[in-house]
C-alpha cells in the first residue's frame, strides 16, 4: 500500500507524518532528523503488513531523498524499513485538542496510535517523541 506522507524512525519506532501538500511533513521530519531520528521516506511511504506489524519503507525511486523547501531534493542516510508505531496527522494549531482522547487508525487491518499536532510549533518534535513513547507503552500493555 502506498500512502502520501513522510516517515522517520525514532529509536527504531516508525512515525508516519500525514498532512496536505505544504502542510509541514518534510519540515517536521527534518527537525526530528536533526535531533537523532532517521529518514525512512519522504512524500510517499510504502506500507506492508508482516507478522502482525506494519513495515514502512520508501519506494526505490525516492529512497534516501527528502524535499527541503527552498533548497531542493537532498540525499541523506536512511533506514530501509521500520515497524510503524504512530501516525501523526498535521493540522492547524486551532485543530489540536488540548486534552485529546486516545485515537487510533487502521492500515491493512493493523491498529496504530494516532495523534494530531501542529507541525510548525517549536515544541512539535518533542511532542512527537512523547507520543512515540506513549504509543510504545500502550502497545506493550496490549501485547
C-alpha atoms as a PDB file:
ATOM      1  CA  UNK A   1       0.000   0.000   0.000  1.00  0.00           C
ATOM      2  CA  UNK A   2       1.377   3.414  -0.966  1.00  0.00           C
ATOM      3  CA  UNK A   3       0.421   6.413   1.210  1.00  0.00           C
ATOM      4  CA  UNK A   4       1.137  10.115   0.931  1.00  0.00           C
ATOM      5  CA  UNK A   5       3.289  11.244   3.842  1.00  0.00           C
ATOM      6  CA  UNK A   6       6.746  11.236   5.360  1.00  0.00           C
ATOM      7  CA  UNK A   7       8.177   8.653   7.722  1.00  0.00           C
ATOM      8  CA  UNK A   8      11.023   8.709  10.222  1.00  0.00           C
ATOM      9  CA  UNK A   9      12.377   6.211  12.696  1.00  0.00           C
ATOM     10  CA  UNK A  10      12.842   7.265  16.303  1.00  0.00           C
ATOM     11  CA  UNK A  11      14.725   4.698  18.338  1.00  0.00           C
ATOM     12  CA  UNK A  12      13.675   2.011  15.864  1.00  0.00           C
ATOM     13  CA  UNK A  13       9.999   3.012  16.046  1.00  0.00           C
ATOM     14  CA  UNK A  14       8.322   4.281  12.894  1.00  0.00           C
ATOM     15  CA  UNK A  15       6.339   7.519  12.757  1.00  0.00           C
ATOM     16  CA  UNK A  16       4.159   8.351   9.750  1.00  0.00           C
ATOM     17  CA  UNK A  17       3.580  12.076   9.260  1.00  0.00           C
ATOM     18  CA  UNK A  18       0.391  12.797   7.278  1.00  0.00           C
ATOM     19  CA  UNK A  19      -0.976  16.089   6.048  1.00  0.00           C
ATOM     20  CA  UNK A  20      -1.804  18.179   2.988  1.00  0.00           C
ATOM     21  CA  UNK A  21       0.848  19.282   0.471  1.00  0.00           C
ATOM     22  CA  UNK A  22       2.878  22.076   2.052  1.00  0.00           C
ATOM     23  CA  UNK A  23       1.490  21.077   5.449  1.00  0.00           C
ATOM     24  CA  UNK A  24       4.848  20.604   7.189  1.00  0.00           C
ATOM     25  CA  UNK A  25       5.587  16.883   6.784  1.00  0.00           C
ATOM     26  CA  UNK A  26       9.123  17.282   5.427  1.00  0.00           C
ATOM     27  CA  UNK A  27       9.840  20.244   7.692  1.00  0.00           C
ATOM     28  CA  UNK A  28       8.901  18.310  10.841  1.00  0.00           C
ATOM     29  CA  UNK A  29      10.772  15.238   9.563  1.00  0.00           C
ATOM     30  CA  UNK A  30      13.915  17.380   9.122  1.00  0.00           C
ATOM     31  CA  UNK A  31      13.656  18.755  12.662  1.00  0.00           C
ATOM     32  CA  UNK A  32      13.230  15.227  14.030  1.00  0.00           C
ATOM     33  CA  UNK A  33      16.225  14.029  11.967  1.00  0.00           C
ATOM     34  CA  UNK A  34      18.332  16.918  13.267  1.00  0.00           C
ATOM     35  CA  UNK A  35      17.569  15.590  16.755  1.00  0.00           C
ATOM     36  CA  UNK A  36      18.565  11.976  16.039  1.00  0.00           C
ATOM     37  CA  UNK A  37      15.680  10.420  14.091  1.00  0.00           C
ATOM     38  CA  UNK A  38      16.413   8.676  10.794  1.00  0.00           C
ATOM     39  CA  UNK A  39      14.701   9.270   7.469  1.00  0.00           C
ATOM     40  CA  UNK A  40      12.634   6.368   6.176  1.00  0.00           C
ATOM     41  CA  UNK A  41      10.642   8.014   3.367  1.00  0.00           C
ATOM     42  CA  UNK A  42       9.522  11.441   2.207  1.00  0.00           C
ATOM     43  CA  UNK A  43       6.397  12.202   0.175  1.00  0.00           C
ATOM     44  CA  UNK A  44       5.428   8.562  -0.437  1.00  0.00           C
ATOM     45  CA  UNK A  45       5.589   5.700   2.052  1.00  0.00           C
ATOM     46  CA  UNK A  46       5.172   2.016   1.235  1.00  0.00           C
ATOM     47  CA  UNK A  47       3.301   0.048   3.914  1.00  0.00           C
ATOM     48  CA  UNK A  48       3.404  -3.747   4.129  1.00  0.00           C
ATOM     49  CA  UNK A  49       1.849  -5.950   6.782  1.00  0.00           C
ATOM     50  CA  UNK A  50       4.238  -8.610   8.051  1.00  0.00           C
ATOM     51  CA  UNK A  51       3.935 -10.891  11.087  1.00  0.00           C
ATOM     52  CA  UNK A  52       1.413  -8.653  12.827  1.00  0.00           C
ATOM     53  CA  UNK A  53       3.450  -5.489  12.221  1.00  0.00           C
ATOM     54  CA  UNK A  54       3.194  -2.715   9.683  1.00  0.00           C
ATOM     55  CA  UNK A  55       6.523  -2.064   7.962  1.00  0.00           C
ATOM     56  CA  UNK A  56       7.173   1.318   6.346  1.00  0.00           C
ATOM     57  CA  UNK A  57       9.747   1.947   3.619  1.00  0.00           C
ATOM     58  CA  UNK A  58      10.448   4.278   0.703  1.00  0.00           C
ATOM     59  CA  UNK A  59       9.724   3.435  -2.914  1.00  0.00           C
ATOM     60  CA  UNK A  60      13.083   2.678  -4.590  1.00  0.00           C
ATOM     61  CA  UNK A  61      12.991   5.781  -6.797  1.00  0.00           C
ATOM     62  CA  UNK A  62      12.947   8.162  -3.802  1.00  0.00           C
ATOM     63  CA  UNK A  63      14.854   6.185  -1.155  1.00  0.00           C
ATOM     64  CA  UNK A  64      17.211   8.417   0.824  1.00  0.00           C
ATOM     65  CA  UNK A  65      15.787  11.631  -0.618  1.00  0.00           C
ATOM     66  CA  UNK A  66      13.855  14.396   1.091  1.00  0.00           C
ATOM     67  CA  UNK A  67      12.471  17.648  -0.240  1.00  0.00           C
ATOM     68  CA  UNK A  68      13.893  20.660   1.555  1.00  0.00           C
ATOM     69  CA  UNK A  69      11.766  23.648   0.597  1.00  0.00           C
ATOM     70  CA  UNK A  70      14.000  26.476  -0.590  1.00  0.00           C
ATOM     71  CA  UNK A  71      16.950  24.137  -1.245  1.00  0.00           C
ATOM     72  CA  UNK A  72      15.632  21.248  -3.341  1.00  0.00           C
ATOM     73  CA  UNK A  73      15.881  17.468  -3.144  1.00  0.00           C
ATOM     74  CA  UNK A  74      18.578  16.397  -0.688  1.00  0.00           C
ATOM     75  CA  UNK A  75      20.073  12.923  -0.369  1.00  0.00           C
ATOM     76  CA  UNK A  76      20.788  11.602   3.129  1.00  0.00           C
ATOM     77  CA  UNK A  77      21.240   8.391   5.084  1.00  0.00           C
ATOM     78  CA  UNK A  78      18.027   6.476   5.608  1.00  0.00           C
ATOM     79  CA  UNK A  79      16.584   3.340   7.128  1.00  0.00           C
ATOM     80  CA  UNK A  80      15.390   0.780   4.583  1.00  0.00           C
ATOM     81  CA  UNK A  81      12.347  -0.041   6.699  1.00  0.00           C
ATOM     82  CA  UNK A  82      10.912   0.438  10.153  1.00  0.00           C
ATOM     83  CA  UNK A  83       7.992  -1.024  12.090  1.00  0.00           C
ATOM     84  CA  UNK A  84       5.334   1.682  12.159  1.00  0.00           C
ATOM     85  CA  UNK A  85       4.089   2.576  15.637  1.00  0.00           C
ATOM     86  CA  UNK A  86       2.484   6.018  15.368  1.00  0.00           C
ATOM     87  CA  UNK A  87       0.584   8.159  12.875  1.00  0.00           C
ATOM     88  CA  UNK A  88       0.806  11.937  13.296  1.00  0.00           C
ATOM     89  CA  UNK A  89      -1.828  13.991  11.493  1.00  0.00           C
ATOM     90  CA  UNK A  90      -0.509  17.501  10.871  1.00  0.00           C
ATOM     91  CA  UNK A  91      -3.216  20.107  11.406  1.00  0.00           C
ATOM     92  CA  UNK A  92      -3.651  23.829  12.055  1.00  0.00           C
ATOM     93  CA  UNK A  93      -2.938  24.864  15.663  1.00  0.00           C
ATOM     94  CA  UNK A  94      -6.615  25.581  16.390  1.00  0.00           C
ATOM     95  CA  UNK A  95      -7.475  21.973  15.458  1.00  0.00           C
ATOM     96  CA  UNK A  96      -5.210  20.458  18.128  1.00  0.00           C
ATOM     97  CA  UNK A  97      -7.262  19.303  21.092  1.00  0.00           C
ATOM     98  CA  UNK A  98      -5.958  20.397  24.461  1.00  0.00           C
ATOM     99  CA  UNK A  99      -6.630  17.044  26.172  1.00  0.00           C
ATOM    100  CA  UNK A 100      -7.449  14.511  23.453  1.00  0.00           C
ATOM    101  CA  UNK A 101      -8.802  11.025  23.983  1.00  0.00           C
ATOM    102  CA  UNK A 102      -6.601   8.177  22.762  1.00  0.00           C
ATOM    103  CA  UNK A 103      -7.024   7.834  18.997  1.00  0.00           C
ATOM    104  CA  UNK A 104      -6.141   5.104  16.537  1.00  0.00           C
ATOM    105  CA  UNK A 105      -6.201   4.433  12.819  1.00  0.00           C
ATOM    106  CA  UNK A 106      -6.057   1.307  10.713  1.00  0.00           C
ATOM    107  CA  UNK A 107      -3.807   0.333   7.817  1.00  0.00           C
ATOM    108  CA  UNK A 108      -4.030  -3.123   6.273  1.00  0.00           C
ATOM    109  CA  UNK A 109      -6.066  -4.323   9.243  1.00  0.00           C
ATOM    110  CA  UNK A 110      -3.443  -3.262  11.797  1.00  0.00           C
ATOM    111  CA  UNK A 111      -4.234  -0.753  14.541  1.00  0.00           C
ATOM    112  CA  UNK A 112      -1.891   2.213  15.100  1.00  0.00           C
ATOM    113  CA  UNK A 113      -1.875   5.003  17.666  1.00  0.00           C
ATOM    114  CA  UNK A 114      -2.694   8.415  16.159  1.00  0.00           C
ATOM    115  CA  UNK A 115      -2.253  11.995  17.321  1.00  0.00           C
ATOM    116  CA  UNK A 116      -2.986  15.376  15.738  1.00  0.00           C
ATOM    117  CA  UNK A 117      -0.299  18.049  16.075  1.00  0.00           C
ATOM    118  CA  UNK A 118       0.540  21.467  14.630  1.00  0.00           C
ATOM    119  CA  UNK A 119       3.800  20.863  12.713  1.00  0.00           C
ATOM    120  CA  UNK A 120       5.320  24.327  12.840  1.00  0.00           C
ATOM    121  CA  UNK A 121       5.160  24.798  16.620  1.00  0.00           C
ATOM    122  CA  UNK A 122       8.626  24.849  18.180  1.00  0.00           C
ATOM    123  CA  UNK A 123       7.566  22.030  20.511  1.00  0.00           C
ATOM    124  CA  UNK A 124       6.296  19.736  17.713  1.00  0.00           C
ATOM    125  CA  UNK A 125       9.392  17.457  17.616  1.00  0.00           C
ATOM    126  CA  UNK A 126       9.251  16.992  21.391  1.00  0.00           C
ATOM    127  CA  UNK A 127       5.519  16.237  21.222  1.00  0.00           C
ATOM    128  CA  UNK A 128       6.158  13.589  18.538  1.00  0.00           C
ATOM    129  CA  UNK A 129       8.786  11.921  20.744  1.00  0.00           C
ATOM    130  CA  UNK A 130       6.422  11.965  23.739  1.00  0.00           C
ATOM    131  CA  UNK A 131       3.655  10.442  21.593  1.00  0.00           C
ATOM    132  CA  UNK A 132       6.041   7.712  20.371  1.00  0.00           C
ATOM    133  CA  UNK A 133       6.936   6.841  23.960  1.00  0.00           C
ATOM    134  CA  UNK A 134       3.246   6.740  24.947  1.00  0.00           C
ATOM    135  CA  UNK A 135       2.370   4.574  21.930  1.00  0.00           C
ATOM    136  CA  UNK A 136       5.207   2.172  22.774  1.00  0.00           C
ATOM    137  CA  UNK A 137       3.960   1.856  26.370  1.00  0.00           C
ATOM    138  CA  UNK A 138       0.405   1.301  25.124  1.00  0.00           C
ATOM    139  CA  UNK A 139       1.454  -1.358  22.600  1.00  0.00           C
ATOM    140  CA  UNK A 140       3.420  -3.195  25.298  1.00  0.00           C
ATOM    141  CA  UNK A 141       0.332  -3.269  27.555  1.00  0.00           C
ATOM    142  CA  UNK A 142      -1.829  -4.623  24.716  1.00  0.00           C
ATOM    143  CA  UNK A 143       0.664  -7.394  23.847  1.00  0.00           C
END
